N, C-alpha and C. Protein backbone atom coordinates (compact mmCIF):
# COMPACT_ATOMS: atom_id res chain seq x y z
N MET A 1 27.67 -34.86 -26.22
CA MET A 1 26.88 -34.44 -25.07
C MET A 1 25.40 -34.76 -25.26
N SER A 2 25.06 -35.93 -25.78
CA SER A 2 23.68 -36.27 -26.07
C SER A 2 23.12 -37.34 -25.15
N GLU A 3 23.95 -37.90 -24.24
CA GLU A 3 23.46 -38.93 -23.35
C GLU A 3 22.47 -38.33 -22.35
N ALA A 4 21.63 -39.20 -21.76
CA ALA A 4 20.62 -38.74 -20.80
C ALA A 4 21.30 -38.39 -19.49
N ALA A 5 21.99 -37.25 -19.50
CA ALA A 5 22.80 -36.86 -18.34
C ALA A 5 22.14 -35.79 -17.50
N VAL A 6 21.00 -35.28 -17.94
CA VAL A 6 20.30 -34.22 -17.23
C VAL A 6 19.09 -34.80 -16.50
N LYS A 7 18.94 -34.45 -15.24
CA LYS A 7 17.76 -34.84 -14.49
C LYS A 7 16.84 -33.63 -14.36
N GLN A 8 15.56 -33.88 -14.54
CA GLN A 8 14.59 -32.80 -14.40
C GLN A 8 13.31 -33.32 -13.76
N ILE A 9 12.56 -32.41 -13.17
CA ILE A 9 11.32 -32.77 -12.50
C ILE A 9 10.16 -32.11 -13.23
N VAL A 10 9.18 -32.94 -13.63
CA VAL A 10 8.01 -32.46 -14.34
C VAL A 10 6.78 -32.64 -13.46
N LEU A 11 5.72 -31.93 -13.80
CA LEU A 11 4.46 -32.05 -13.08
C LEU A 11 3.70 -33.27 -13.60
N ALA A 12 3.52 -34.27 -12.75
CA ALA A 12 2.86 -35.51 -13.16
C ALA A 12 1.36 -35.47 -12.97
N SER A 13 0.88 -34.76 -11.96
CA SER A 13 -0.56 -34.64 -11.70
C SER A 13 -0.80 -33.36 -10.92
N ARG A 14 -2.02 -32.90 -10.93
CA ARG A 14 -2.34 -31.65 -10.25
C ARG A 14 -2.69 -31.92 -8.79
N PRO A 15 -2.01 -31.25 -7.88
CA PRO A 15 -2.23 -31.52 -6.45
C PRO A 15 -3.59 -31.05 -5.98
N LYS A 16 -4.11 -31.75 -4.99
CA LYS A 16 -5.31 -31.34 -4.27
C LYS A 16 -4.85 -30.92 -2.88
N GLY A 17 -4.81 -29.65 -2.62
CA GLY A 17 -4.26 -29.17 -1.37
C GLY A 17 -2.74 -29.09 -1.46
N LEU A 18 -2.06 -29.55 -0.40
CA LEU A 18 -0.60 -29.52 -0.40
C LEU A 18 -0.04 -30.51 -1.41
N PRO A 19 0.98 -30.13 -2.19
CA PRO A 19 1.59 -31.07 -3.13
C PRO A 19 2.29 -32.21 -2.40
N THR A 20 2.32 -33.37 -3.03
CA THR A 20 3.05 -34.54 -2.52
C THR A 20 3.98 -35.02 -3.62
N HIS A 21 4.87 -35.96 -3.26
CA HIS A 21 5.84 -36.42 -4.26
C HIS A 21 5.16 -37.13 -5.42
N GLU A 22 3.91 -37.63 -5.23
CA GLU A 22 3.20 -38.29 -6.33
C GLU A 22 2.82 -37.30 -7.43
N ASN A 23 2.82 -36.01 -7.12
CA ASN A 23 2.47 -35.01 -8.13
C ASN A 23 3.62 -34.69 -9.07
N PHE A 24 4.80 -35.27 -8.83
CA PHE A 24 5.98 -34.96 -9.64
C PHE A 24 6.61 -36.24 -10.18
N ARG A 25 7.38 -36.08 -11.24
CA ARG A 25 8.08 -37.22 -11.83
C ARG A 25 9.50 -36.80 -12.21
N LEU A 26 10.47 -37.61 -11.84
CA LEU A 26 11.87 -37.38 -12.18
C LEU A 26 12.17 -38.01 -13.52
N GLN A 27 12.77 -37.24 -14.42
CA GLN A 27 13.09 -37.72 -15.76
C GLN A 27 14.57 -37.53 -16.06
N GLY A 28 15.07 -38.37 -16.94
CA GLY A 28 16.40 -38.19 -17.50
C GLY A 28 16.28 -37.77 -18.95
N VAL A 29 16.95 -36.69 -19.33
CA VAL A 29 16.88 -36.18 -20.70
C VAL A 29 18.31 -35.88 -21.18
N PRO A 30 18.50 -35.77 -22.50
CA PRO A 30 19.85 -35.50 -23.03
C PRO A 30 20.38 -34.13 -22.59
N MET A 31 21.69 -34.06 -22.45
CA MET A 31 22.35 -32.79 -22.15
C MET A 31 22.16 -31.84 -23.33
N PRO A 32 21.73 -30.60 -23.11
CA PRO A 32 21.56 -29.67 -24.22
C PRO A 32 22.90 -29.27 -24.83
N GLU A 33 22.86 -28.91 -26.09
CA GLU A 33 24.05 -28.40 -26.76
C GLU A 33 24.24 -26.92 -26.41
N LEU A 34 25.48 -26.47 -26.49
CA LEU A 34 25.77 -25.06 -26.28
C LEU A 34 25.16 -24.26 -27.43
N PRO A 35 24.20 -23.35 -27.16
CA PRO A 35 23.58 -22.60 -28.25
C PRO A 35 24.52 -21.50 -28.77
N PRO A 36 24.45 -21.17 -30.06
CA PRO A 36 25.27 -20.08 -30.59
C PRO A 36 24.99 -18.78 -29.84
N GLY A 37 26.03 -18.16 -29.33
CA GLY A 37 25.87 -16.92 -28.59
C GLY A 37 25.27 -17.09 -27.22
N GLY A 38 25.20 -18.32 -26.73
CA GLY A 38 24.57 -18.58 -25.44
C GLY A 38 25.50 -19.26 -24.46
N LEU A 39 24.90 -19.86 -23.44
CA LEU A 39 25.64 -20.47 -22.35
C LEU A 39 25.06 -21.84 -22.02
N LEU A 40 25.91 -22.67 -21.45
CA LEU A 40 25.46 -23.93 -20.87
C LEU A 40 25.67 -23.83 -19.37
N LEU A 41 24.64 -24.16 -18.60
CA LEU A 41 24.63 -23.93 -17.16
C LEU A 41 24.46 -25.21 -16.37
N ARG A 42 25.11 -25.25 -15.22
CA ARG A 42 24.88 -26.31 -14.24
C ARG A 42 24.19 -25.69 -13.04
N VAL A 43 23.03 -26.22 -12.69
CA VAL A 43 22.23 -25.65 -11.61
C VAL A 43 22.85 -26.02 -10.26
N LEU A 44 23.07 -25.00 -9.42
CA LEU A 44 23.62 -25.20 -8.09
C LEU A 44 22.54 -25.15 -7.01
N TYR A 45 21.62 -24.20 -7.15
CA TYR A 45 20.55 -24.01 -6.15
C TYR A 45 19.24 -23.70 -6.88
N LEU A 46 18.15 -24.31 -6.41
CA LEU A 46 16.82 -24.03 -6.92
C LEU A 46 16.04 -23.21 -5.90
N SER A 47 15.18 -22.34 -6.39
CA SER A 47 14.29 -21.60 -5.51
C SER A 47 12.93 -22.26 -5.49
N LEU A 48 12.41 -22.51 -4.28
CA LEU A 48 11.06 -23.04 -4.11
C LEU A 48 10.21 -21.93 -3.50
N ASP A 49 9.33 -21.34 -4.31
CA ASP A 49 8.58 -20.16 -3.89
C ASP A 49 7.08 -20.44 -3.84
N PRO A 50 6.35 -19.70 -2.99
CA PRO A 50 4.91 -19.94 -2.86
C PRO A 50 4.13 -19.84 -4.17
N TYR A 51 4.55 -18.96 -5.09
CA TYR A 51 3.80 -18.80 -6.33
C TYR A 51 3.73 -20.08 -7.15
N MET A 52 4.69 -20.98 -6.93
CA MET A 52 4.73 -22.22 -7.72
C MET A 52 3.50 -23.09 -7.48
N ARG A 53 2.93 -23.01 -6.26
CA ARG A 53 1.73 -23.80 -5.99
C ARG A 53 0.60 -23.38 -6.93
N GLY A 54 0.43 -22.09 -7.15
CA GLY A 54 -0.61 -21.62 -8.05
C GLY A 54 -0.37 -22.05 -9.48
N ARG A 55 0.87 -22.15 -9.89
CA ARG A 55 1.20 -22.56 -11.25
C ARG A 55 0.90 -24.03 -11.50
N MET A 56 0.69 -24.80 -10.43
CA MET A 56 0.36 -26.22 -10.57
C MET A 56 -1.12 -26.45 -10.86
N ASP A 57 -1.95 -25.42 -10.66
CA ASP A 57 -3.39 -25.54 -10.90
C ASP A 57 -3.73 -25.16 -12.33
N ASP A 58 -4.71 -25.84 -12.90
CA ASP A 58 -5.15 -25.54 -14.26
C ASP A 58 -6.28 -24.52 -14.21
N ARG A 59 -5.91 -23.29 -13.94
CA ARG A 59 -6.89 -22.21 -13.87
C ARG A 59 -6.24 -20.90 -14.31
N LYS A 60 -7.08 -19.95 -14.67
CA LYS A 60 -6.59 -18.67 -15.14
C LYS A 60 -5.90 -17.92 -14.02
N SER A 61 -4.74 -17.38 -14.32
CA SER A 61 -3.98 -16.62 -13.34
C SER A 61 -3.13 -15.61 -14.08
N TYR A 62 -2.23 -14.95 -13.34
CA TYR A 62 -1.37 -13.95 -13.96
C TYR A 62 -0.34 -14.56 -14.89
N ALA A 63 -0.11 -15.87 -14.76
CA ALA A 63 0.86 -16.57 -15.59
C ALA A 63 0.28 -17.91 -16.02
N LYS A 64 0.76 -18.43 -17.12
CA LYS A 64 0.29 -19.70 -17.64
C LYS A 64 0.62 -20.83 -16.67
N PRO A 65 -0.32 -21.73 -16.41
CA PRO A 65 -0.03 -22.85 -15.51
C PRO A 65 0.95 -23.83 -16.15
N VAL A 66 1.64 -24.58 -15.31
CA VAL A 66 2.51 -25.65 -15.80
C VAL A 66 1.62 -26.78 -16.30
N GLY A 67 1.86 -27.25 -17.52
CA GLY A 67 1.08 -28.34 -18.07
C GLY A 67 1.53 -29.68 -17.52
N LEU A 68 0.64 -30.66 -17.55
CA LEU A 68 1.02 -31.99 -17.11
C LEU A 68 2.12 -32.53 -18.01
N GLY A 69 3.16 -33.05 -17.41
CA GLY A 69 4.31 -33.54 -18.16
C GLY A 69 5.33 -32.48 -18.49
N GLU A 70 5.04 -31.22 -18.12
CA GLU A 70 5.97 -30.13 -18.41
C GLU A 70 6.93 -29.89 -17.25
N LEU A 71 8.06 -29.29 -17.58
CA LEU A 71 9.08 -28.96 -16.58
C LEU A 71 8.52 -27.98 -15.56
N MET A 72 8.78 -28.24 -14.27
CA MET A 72 8.39 -27.29 -13.24
C MET A 72 9.19 -26.00 -13.39
N THR A 73 8.50 -24.89 -13.22
CA THR A 73 9.12 -23.59 -13.38
C THR A 73 9.90 -23.18 -12.13
N GLY A 74 10.81 -22.24 -12.29
CA GLY A 74 11.53 -21.74 -11.13
C GLY A 74 12.87 -21.13 -11.48
N GLU A 75 13.32 -20.21 -10.63
CA GLU A 75 14.64 -19.60 -10.79
C GLU A 75 15.71 -20.46 -10.13
N SER A 76 16.95 -20.22 -10.53
CA SER A 76 18.06 -20.99 -9.97
C SER A 76 19.35 -20.19 -10.02
N VAL A 77 20.26 -20.56 -9.14
CA VAL A 77 21.63 -20.06 -9.19
C VAL A 77 22.46 -21.12 -9.91
N CYS A 78 23.20 -20.70 -10.93
CA CYS A 78 23.89 -21.65 -11.80
C CYS A 78 25.35 -21.27 -11.99
N GLU A 79 26.13 -22.27 -12.37
CA GLU A 79 27.52 -22.07 -12.78
C GLU A 79 27.62 -22.24 -14.29
N VAL A 80 28.32 -21.33 -14.94
CA VAL A 80 28.55 -21.44 -16.38
C VAL A 80 29.57 -22.54 -16.63
N ILE A 81 29.20 -23.56 -17.41
CA ILE A 81 30.12 -24.66 -17.72
C ILE A 81 30.59 -24.63 -19.17
N ALA A 82 29.95 -23.81 -20.01
CA ALA A 82 30.41 -23.59 -21.38
C ALA A 82 29.82 -22.26 -21.84
N SER A 83 30.61 -21.50 -22.61
CA SER A 83 30.17 -20.17 -22.99
C SER A 83 30.52 -19.85 -24.43
N ASP A 84 29.56 -19.28 -25.16
CA ASP A 84 29.80 -18.72 -26.48
C ASP A 84 29.34 -17.26 -26.47
N GLN A 85 29.51 -16.61 -25.33
CA GLN A 85 29.03 -15.24 -25.15
C GLN A 85 30.11 -14.40 -24.49
N THR A 86 30.45 -13.29 -25.12
CA THR A 86 31.41 -12.36 -24.54
C THR A 86 30.86 -11.80 -23.23
N GLY A 87 31.71 -11.78 -22.22
CA GLY A 87 31.29 -11.27 -20.93
C GLY A 87 30.93 -12.35 -19.94
N TYR A 88 30.84 -13.59 -20.41
CA TYR A 88 30.56 -14.73 -19.53
C TYR A 88 31.62 -15.79 -19.75
N ALA A 89 32.27 -16.19 -18.66
CA ALA A 89 33.33 -17.19 -18.72
C ALA A 89 32.92 -18.42 -17.94
N VAL A 90 33.56 -19.53 -18.27
CA VAL A 90 33.34 -20.76 -17.51
C VAL A 90 33.68 -20.50 -16.04
N GLY A 91 32.80 -20.90 -15.16
CA GLY A 91 32.98 -20.66 -13.73
C GLY A 91 32.20 -19.49 -13.19
N ASP A 92 31.70 -18.61 -14.07
CA ASP A 92 30.87 -17.50 -13.61
C ASP A 92 29.59 -18.04 -12.96
N ILE A 93 29.07 -17.29 -12.01
CA ILE A 93 27.83 -17.65 -11.32
C ILE A 93 26.73 -16.70 -11.78
N VAL A 94 25.58 -17.26 -12.17
CA VAL A 94 24.51 -16.43 -12.71
C VAL A 94 23.17 -16.85 -12.09
N LEU A 95 22.23 -15.92 -12.14
CA LEU A 95 20.84 -16.19 -11.77
C LEU A 95 20.07 -16.41 -13.06
N ALA A 96 19.36 -17.52 -13.16
CA ALA A 96 18.66 -17.87 -14.40
C ALA A 96 17.31 -18.49 -14.09
N HIS A 97 16.45 -18.51 -15.08
CA HIS A 97 15.14 -19.15 -14.94
C HIS A 97 15.21 -20.48 -15.69
N THR A 98 15.72 -21.49 -15.01
CA THR A 98 15.96 -22.78 -15.67
C THR A 98 14.86 -23.79 -15.43
N GLY A 99 14.05 -23.59 -14.40
CA GLY A 99 13.14 -24.65 -13.99
C GLY A 99 13.87 -25.70 -13.16
N TRP A 100 13.15 -26.74 -12.80
CA TRP A 100 13.69 -27.77 -11.91
C TRP A 100 14.49 -28.80 -12.70
N ARG A 101 15.73 -28.50 -12.97
CA ARG A 101 16.60 -29.44 -13.69
C ARG A 101 18.05 -29.17 -13.31
N THR A 102 18.89 -30.12 -13.66
CA THR A 102 20.29 -30.03 -13.25
C THR A 102 21.15 -29.21 -14.20
N HIS A 103 20.77 -29.13 -15.47
CA HIS A 103 21.54 -28.39 -16.46
C HIS A 103 20.56 -27.70 -17.42
N ALA A 104 21.01 -26.60 -18.03
CA ALA A 104 20.16 -25.87 -18.97
C ALA A 104 21.01 -25.06 -19.92
N ALA A 105 20.48 -24.82 -21.12
CA ALA A 105 21.07 -23.88 -22.06
C ALA A 105 20.31 -22.57 -21.94
N SER A 106 21.02 -21.44 -22.08
CA SER A 106 20.36 -20.16 -21.87
C SER A 106 21.03 -19.07 -22.69
N ALA A 107 20.23 -18.07 -23.06
CA ALA A 107 20.77 -16.86 -23.67
C ALA A 107 21.18 -15.89 -22.57
N SER A 108 22.24 -15.16 -22.78
CA SER A 108 22.77 -14.28 -21.74
C SER A 108 21.80 -13.16 -21.38
N ALA A 109 20.90 -12.79 -22.30
CA ALA A 109 19.96 -11.71 -22.02
C ALA A 109 19.01 -12.06 -20.89
N ALA A 110 18.84 -13.36 -20.63
CA ALA A 110 17.90 -13.80 -19.60
C ALA A 110 18.59 -14.02 -18.26
N LEU A 111 19.85 -13.62 -18.13
CA LEU A 111 20.64 -13.93 -16.94
C LEU A 111 21.00 -12.67 -16.15
N ARG A 112 21.36 -12.89 -14.89
CA ARG A 112 21.96 -11.84 -14.08
C ARG A 112 23.18 -12.42 -13.40
N LYS A 113 24.34 -11.80 -13.63
CA LYS A 113 25.57 -12.32 -13.06
C LYS A 113 25.62 -12.00 -11.56
N LEU A 114 26.09 -12.98 -10.77
CA LEU A 114 26.22 -12.83 -9.33
C LEU A 114 27.70 -12.79 -8.96
N ASN A 115 28.04 -11.98 -7.98
CA ASN A 115 29.42 -11.83 -7.53
C ASN A 115 29.57 -12.46 -6.15
N PRO A 116 30.22 -13.63 -6.04
CA PRO A 116 30.37 -14.27 -4.73
C PRO A 116 31.17 -13.44 -3.73
N ALA A 117 31.96 -12.48 -4.21
CA ALA A 117 32.73 -11.63 -3.31
C ALA A 117 31.87 -10.57 -2.63
N VAL A 118 30.71 -10.30 -3.19
CA VAL A 118 29.82 -9.27 -2.65
C VAL A 118 28.85 -9.86 -1.63
N ALA A 119 28.29 -11.02 -1.95
CA ALA A 119 27.32 -11.67 -1.06
C ALA A 119 27.27 -13.14 -1.41
N PRO A 120 26.86 -14.00 -0.47
CA PRO A 120 26.69 -15.42 -0.79
C PRO A 120 25.77 -15.59 -1.99
N ILE A 121 26.11 -16.52 -2.87
CA ILE A 121 25.36 -16.65 -4.11
C ILE A 121 23.91 -17.05 -3.88
N THR A 122 23.61 -17.69 -2.77
CA THR A 122 22.23 -18.07 -2.50
C THR A 122 21.33 -16.86 -2.27
N THR A 123 21.91 -15.70 -1.95
CA THR A 123 21.08 -14.51 -1.75
C THR A 123 20.42 -14.05 -3.05
N GLY A 124 20.91 -14.54 -4.19
CA GLY A 124 20.27 -14.23 -5.46
C GLY A 124 18.87 -14.79 -5.56
N LEU A 125 18.57 -15.78 -4.74
CA LEU A 125 17.23 -16.36 -4.70
C LEU A 125 16.43 -15.84 -3.51
N GLY A 126 17.02 -14.95 -2.72
CA GLY A 126 16.35 -14.47 -1.51
C GLY A 126 16.39 -12.97 -1.40
N VAL A 127 17.19 -12.48 -0.47
CA VAL A 127 17.18 -11.05 -0.17
C VAL A 127 17.63 -10.20 -1.35
N LEU A 128 18.52 -10.70 -2.20
CA LEU A 128 18.97 -9.95 -3.37
C LEU A 128 18.32 -10.44 -4.65
N GLY A 129 17.21 -11.15 -4.51
CA GLY A 129 16.48 -11.67 -5.66
C GLY A 129 15.02 -11.26 -5.62
N MET A 130 14.17 -12.11 -6.19
CA MET A 130 12.75 -11.80 -6.30
C MET A 130 12.08 -11.52 -4.96
N PRO A 131 12.31 -12.32 -3.90
CA PRO A 131 11.69 -12.00 -2.62
C PRO A 131 12.10 -10.63 -2.08
N GLY A 132 13.39 -10.31 -2.20
CA GLY A 132 13.86 -9.02 -1.73
C GLY A 132 13.27 -7.86 -2.51
N PHE A 133 13.19 -8.02 -3.83
CA PHE A 133 12.59 -6.96 -4.65
C PHE A 133 11.12 -6.79 -4.32
N THR A 134 10.41 -7.91 -4.12
CA THR A 134 8.99 -7.85 -3.77
C THR A 134 8.80 -7.11 -2.45
N ALA A 135 9.62 -7.44 -1.46
CA ALA A 135 9.51 -6.79 -0.16
C ALA A 135 9.81 -5.30 -0.26
N TYR A 136 10.88 -4.95 -0.94
CA TYR A 136 11.28 -3.54 -1.04
C TYR A 136 10.25 -2.72 -1.80
N ALA A 137 9.82 -3.24 -2.96
CA ALA A 137 8.88 -2.48 -3.78
C ALA A 137 7.53 -2.35 -3.09
N GLY A 138 7.05 -3.45 -2.51
CA GLY A 138 5.75 -3.41 -1.86
C GLY A 138 5.71 -2.45 -0.69
N LEU A 139 6.78 -2.45 0.11
CA LEU A 139 6.79 -1.59 1.30
C LEU A 139 7.12 -0.15 0.96
N ASN A 140 8.22 0.07 0.26
CA ASN A 140 8.73 1.42 0.08
C ASN A 140 8.10 2.18 -1.08
N LEU A 141 7.64 1.48 -2.12
CA LEU A 141 7.05 2.16 -3.26
C LEU A 141 5.53 2.25 -3.16
N ILE A 142 4.93 1.32 -2.42
CA ILE A 142 3.47 1.32 -2.29
C ILE A 142 3.05 1.69 -0.87
N GLY A 143 3.59 0.98 0.12
CA GLY A 143 3.21 1.25 1.50
C GLY A 143 3.73 2.57 2.03
N LYS A 144 4.97 2.90 1.72
CA LYS A 144 5.63 4.14 2.12
C LYS A 144 5.45 4.44 3.62
N PRO A 145 5.94 3.56 4.49
CA PRO A 145 5.76 3.79 5.93
C PRO A 145 6.54 5.00 6.42
N LYS A 146 6.00 5.61 7.47
CA LYS A 146 6.64 6.78 8.08
C LYS A 146 7.07 6.43 9.50
N PRO A 147 8.08 7.12 10.02
CA PRO A 147 8.49 6.87 11.40
C PRO A 147 7.31 7.00 12.36
N GLY A 148 7.21 6.04 13.27
CA GLY A 148 6.15 6.05 14.25
C GLY A 148 4.91 5.28 13.84
N GLU A 149 4.76 4.96 12.56
CA GLU A 149 3.62 4.16 12.12
C GLU A 149 3.84 2.69 12.46
N THR A 150 2.77 1.91 12.38
CA THR A 150 2.85 0.47 12.63
C THR A 150 2.60 -0.28 11.33
N VAL A 151 3.49 -1.20 11.00
CA VAL A 151 3.35 -2.04 9.82
C VAL A 151 3.06 -3.46 10.27
N VAL A 152 1.90 -4.00 9.87
CA VAL A 152 1.53 -5.37 10.20
C VAL A 152 1.85 -6.25 9.00
N VAL A 153 2.61 -7.32 9.24
CA VAL A 153 3.12 -8.16 8.17
C VAL A 153 2.58 -9.58 8.32
N ALA A 154 1.80 -10.04 7.34
CA ALA A 154 1.36 -11.43 7.32
C ALA A 154 2.50 -12.31 6.82
N ALA A 155 2.44 -13.60 7.17
CA ALA A 155 3.50 -14.54 6.77
C ALA A 155 4.87 -13.97 7.10
N ALA A 156 5.02 -13.47 8.32
CA ALA A 156 6.21 -12.71 8.70
C ALA A 156 7.46 -13.56 8.82
N SER A 157 7.33 -14.88 8.89
CA SER A 157 8.51 -15.73 8.98
C SER A 157 9.02 -16.18 7.62
N GLY A 158 8.30 -15.82 6.54
CA GLY A 158 8.70 -16.20 5.20
C GLY A 158 9.73 -15.27 4.61
N PRO A 159 10.24 -15.58 3.41
CA PRO A 159 11.31 -14.76 2.82
C PRO A 159 10.90 -13.33 2.53
N VAL A 160 9.67 -13.11 2.06
CA VAL A 160 9.23 -11.75 1.78
C VAL A 160 8.84 -11.04 3.07
N GLY A 161 8.00 -11.69 3.87
CA GLY A 161 7.52 -11.06 5.10
C GLY A 161 8.62 -10.69 6.06
N SER A 162 9.61 -11.56 6.21
CA SER A 162 10.70 -11.26 7.14
C SER A 162 11.49 -10.03 6.70
N LEU A 163 11.63 -9.85 5.40
CA LEU A 163 12.33 -8.67 4.89
C LEU A 163 11.48 -7.42 5.04
N VAL A 164 10.18 -7.54 4.82
CA VAL A 164 9.30 -6.39 4.99
C VAL A 164 9.41 -5.84 6.41
N GLY A 165 9.41 -6.73 7.39
CA GLY A 165 9.52 -6.29 8.77
C GLY A 165 10.82 -5.56 9.06
N GLN A 166 11.92 -6.08 8.54
CA GLN A 166 13.21 -5.44 8.78
C GLN A 166 13.31 -4.10 8.06
N LEU A 167 12.76 -4.03 6.85
CA LEU A 167 12.76 -2.76 6.13
C LEU A 167 11.86 -1.74 6.82
N ALA A 168 10.76 -2.21 7.39
CA ALA A 168 9.87 -1.31 8.12
C ALA A 168 10.59 -0.69 9.31
N LYS A 169 11.36 -1.51 10.02
CA LYS A 169 12.09 -0.99 11.17
C LYS A 169 13.16 0.01 10.75
N ILE A 170 13.80 -0.24 9.61
CA ILE A 170 14.79 0.70 9.10
C ILE A 170 14.13 2.06 8.83
N SER A 171 12.88 2.03 8.37
CA SER A 171 12.16 3.27 8.06
C SER A 171 11.70 4.01 9.32
N GLY A 172 11.84 3.36 10.49
CA GLY A 172 11.40 3.99 11.73
C GLY A 172 10.03 3.57 12.18
N ALA A 173 9.41 2.63 11.46
CA ALA A 173 8.08 2.15 11.83
C ALA A 173 8.18 0.99 12.81
N LYS A 174 7.07 0.69 13.46
CA LYS A 174 6.98 -0.48 14.33
C LYS A 174 6.55 -1.66 13.48
N ALA A 175 7.23 -2.80 13.63
CA ALA A 175 6.94 -3.99 12.83
C ALA A 175 6.24 -5.04 13.68
N VAL A 176 5.02 -5.40 13.29
CA VAL A 176 4.24 -6.44 13.96
C VAL A 176 4.06 -7.59 12.97
N GLY A 177 4.55 -8.76 13.33
CA GLY A 177 4.49 -9.90 12.44
C GLY A 177 3.40 -10.88 12.82
N ILE A 178 2.75 -11.46 11.81
CA ILE A 178 1.77 -12.51 12.01
C ILE A 178 2.35 -13.80 11.45
N ALA A 179 2.33 -14.86 12.26
CA ALA A 179 2.89 -16.15 11.84
C ALA A 179 2.06 -17.26 12.47
N GLY A 180 2.29 -18.49 12.00
CA GLY A 180 1.52 -19.62 12.48
C GLY A 180 2.29 -20.52 13.42
N GLY A 181 2.00 -20.45 14.70
CA GLY A 181 2.64 -21.32 15.67
C GLY A 181 3.71 -20.62 16.48
N PRO A 182 3.98 -21.15 17.68
CA PRO A 182 4.97 -20.52 18.57
C PRO A 182 6.38 -20.48 17.99
N GLU A 183 6.79 -21.52 17.27
CA GLU A 183 8.16 -21.55 16.75
C GLU A 183 8.38 -20.46 15.70
N LYS A 184 7.42 -20.30 14.81
CA LYS A 184 7.55 -19.25 13.80
C LYS A 184 7.51 -17.87 14.45
N CYS A 185 6.67 -17.71 15.46
CA CYS A 185 6.63 -16.42 16.16
C CYS A 185 7.95 -16.14 16.86
N ARG A 186 8.57 -17.18 17.40
CA ARG A 186 9.87 -17.00 18.02
C ARG A 186 10.89 -16.51 17.00
N SER A 187 10.89 -17.11 15.79
CA SER A 187 11.81 -16.68 14.74
C SER A 187 11.57 -15.24 14.35
N VAL A 188 10.31 -14.86 14.27
CA VAL A 188 9.97 -13.48 13.90
C VAL A 188 10.58 -12.49 14.90
N LEU A 189 10.56 -12.85 16.17
CA LEU A 189 11.09 -11.95 17.20
C LEU A 189 12.60 -12.03 17.32
N GLU A 190 13.14 -13.24 17.40
CA GLU A 190 14.55 -13.42 17.73
C GLU A 190 15.47 -13.35 16.51
N GLU A 191 15.02 -13.85 15.38
CA GLU A 191 15.88 -13.86 14.19
C GLU A 191 15.67 -12.63 13.31
N PHE A 192 14.42 -12.18 13.20
CA PHE A 192 14.12 -11.06 12.29
C PHE A 192 13.84 -9.76 13.03
N HIS A 193 13.82 -9.82 14.37
CA HIS A 193 13.81 -8.62 15.22
C HIS A 193 12.58 -7.73 15.01
N PHE A 194 11.43 -8.35 14.79
CA PHE A 194 10.18 -7.59 14.80
C PHE A 194 9.94 -7.07 16.22
N ASP A 195 9.11 -6.05 16.32
CA ASP A 195 8.75 -5.52 17.64
C ASP A 195 7.74 -6.40 18.36
N ALA A 196 6.92 -7.10 17.61
CA ALA A 196 5.92 -8.00 18.19
C ALA A 196 5.58 -9.08 17.18
N ALA A 197 5.15 -10.23 17.70
CA ALA A 197 4.72 -11.34 16.84
C ALA A 197 3.43 -11.90 17.40
N VAL A 198 2.47 -12.19 16.51
CA VAL A 198 1.16 -12.69 16.91
C VAL A 198 0.87 -13.99 16.17
N ASP A 199 0.45 -15.00 16.91
CA ASP A 199 0.16 -16.33 16.36
C ASP A 199 -1.29 -16.34 15.85
N HIS A 200 -1.46 -16.47 14.53
CA HIS A 200 -2.83 -16.43 13.99
C HIS A 200 -3.63 -17.69 14.30
N ARG A 201 -2.95 -18.71 14.84
CA ARG A 201 -3.66 -19.92 15.24
C ARG A 201 -4.18 -19.85 16.68
N ALA A 202 -3.74 -18.86 17.41
CA ALA A 202 -4.14 -18.74 18.82
C ALA A 202 -5.61 -18.33 18.92
N PRO A 203 -6.33 -18.86 19.91
CA PRO A 203 -7.75 -18.52 20.05
C PRO A 203 -8.00 -17.04 20.34
N ASP A 204 -7.03 -16.37 20.93
CA ASP A 204 -7.18 -14.95 21.23
C ASP A 204 -6.39 -14.08 20.25
N PHE A 205 -6.29 -14.55 19.01
CA PHE A 205 -5.50 -13.84 18.00
C PHE A 205 -5.94 -12.39 17.85
N ALA A 206 -7.24 -12.15 17.73
CA ALA A 206 -7.73 -10.79 17.49
C ALA A 206 -7.34 -9.86 18.63
N GLU A 207 -7.47 -10.35 19.85
CA GLU A 207 -7.13 -9.52 21.00
C GLU A 207 -5.64 -9.21 21.05
N LYS A 208 -4.81 -10.22 20.76
CA LYS A 208 -3.36 -10.01 20.80
C LYS A 208 -2.90 -9.09 19.67
N LEU A 209 -3.54 -9.20 18.53
CA LEU A 209 -3.18 -8.31 17.43
C LEU A 209 -3.54 -6.87 17.77
N ALA A 210 -4.70 -6.68 18.36
CA ALA A 210 -5.11 -5.33 18.76
C ALA A 210 -4.16 -4.76 19.81
N ALA A 211 -3.72 -5.61 20.73
CA ALA A 211 -2.80 -5.14 21.77
C ALA A 211 -1.44 -4.76 21.19
N ALA A 212 -1.02 -5.45 20.12
CA ALA A 212 0.27 -5.16 19.50
C ALA A 212 0.22 -3.91 18.63
N CYS A 213 -0.98 -3.44 18.32
CA CYS A 213 -1.14 -2.28 17.44
C CYS A 213 -1.96 -1.20 18.15
N PRO A 214 -1.40 -0.60 19.18
CA PRO A 214 -2.17 0.40 19.95
C PRO A 214 -2.49 1.64 19.11
């Protein structure tokens, strides 16, 4: 298992503004060996999250930036293809922090097993993963909305914001979403069932936001 059978994406240059494909490089590397007491994983789904943009910059932040030539960071949903760990069998589906690559070796302590019979495995990267935890903790542990209150949600069409709005409604609060453009505002209303949506690009944004929050 030493042939260059694994594809991975590394950071080739630091983006100025929005990243482009020139900022990344596709590499072929050898397949990792099964580590003692560990697992060999095949990546099925990668998560592309907003925090990754900050990790591409060479500046001080809450986490170390990705170095030039280094593997791009990120969580993934994976299938176990080889196991030397009790409790994990070939074919199991797990959530792992593999970065942007097709295969990875991992210790079981860094994994979370997913049950396809409970929910689609992709939810491990969304509502039942980091975005869902962020939305739940931020709203219910910090915001603590009460029935009748109004919760204004920025980036309401995104994975975290859309969940915050739905959780706010469950709590009995009014959910007002802020999004960019008519299409995203439509999604906020029709797909995520916010009570109101306001386009921050509109010239009368301030007036519409005030009207949505009486």
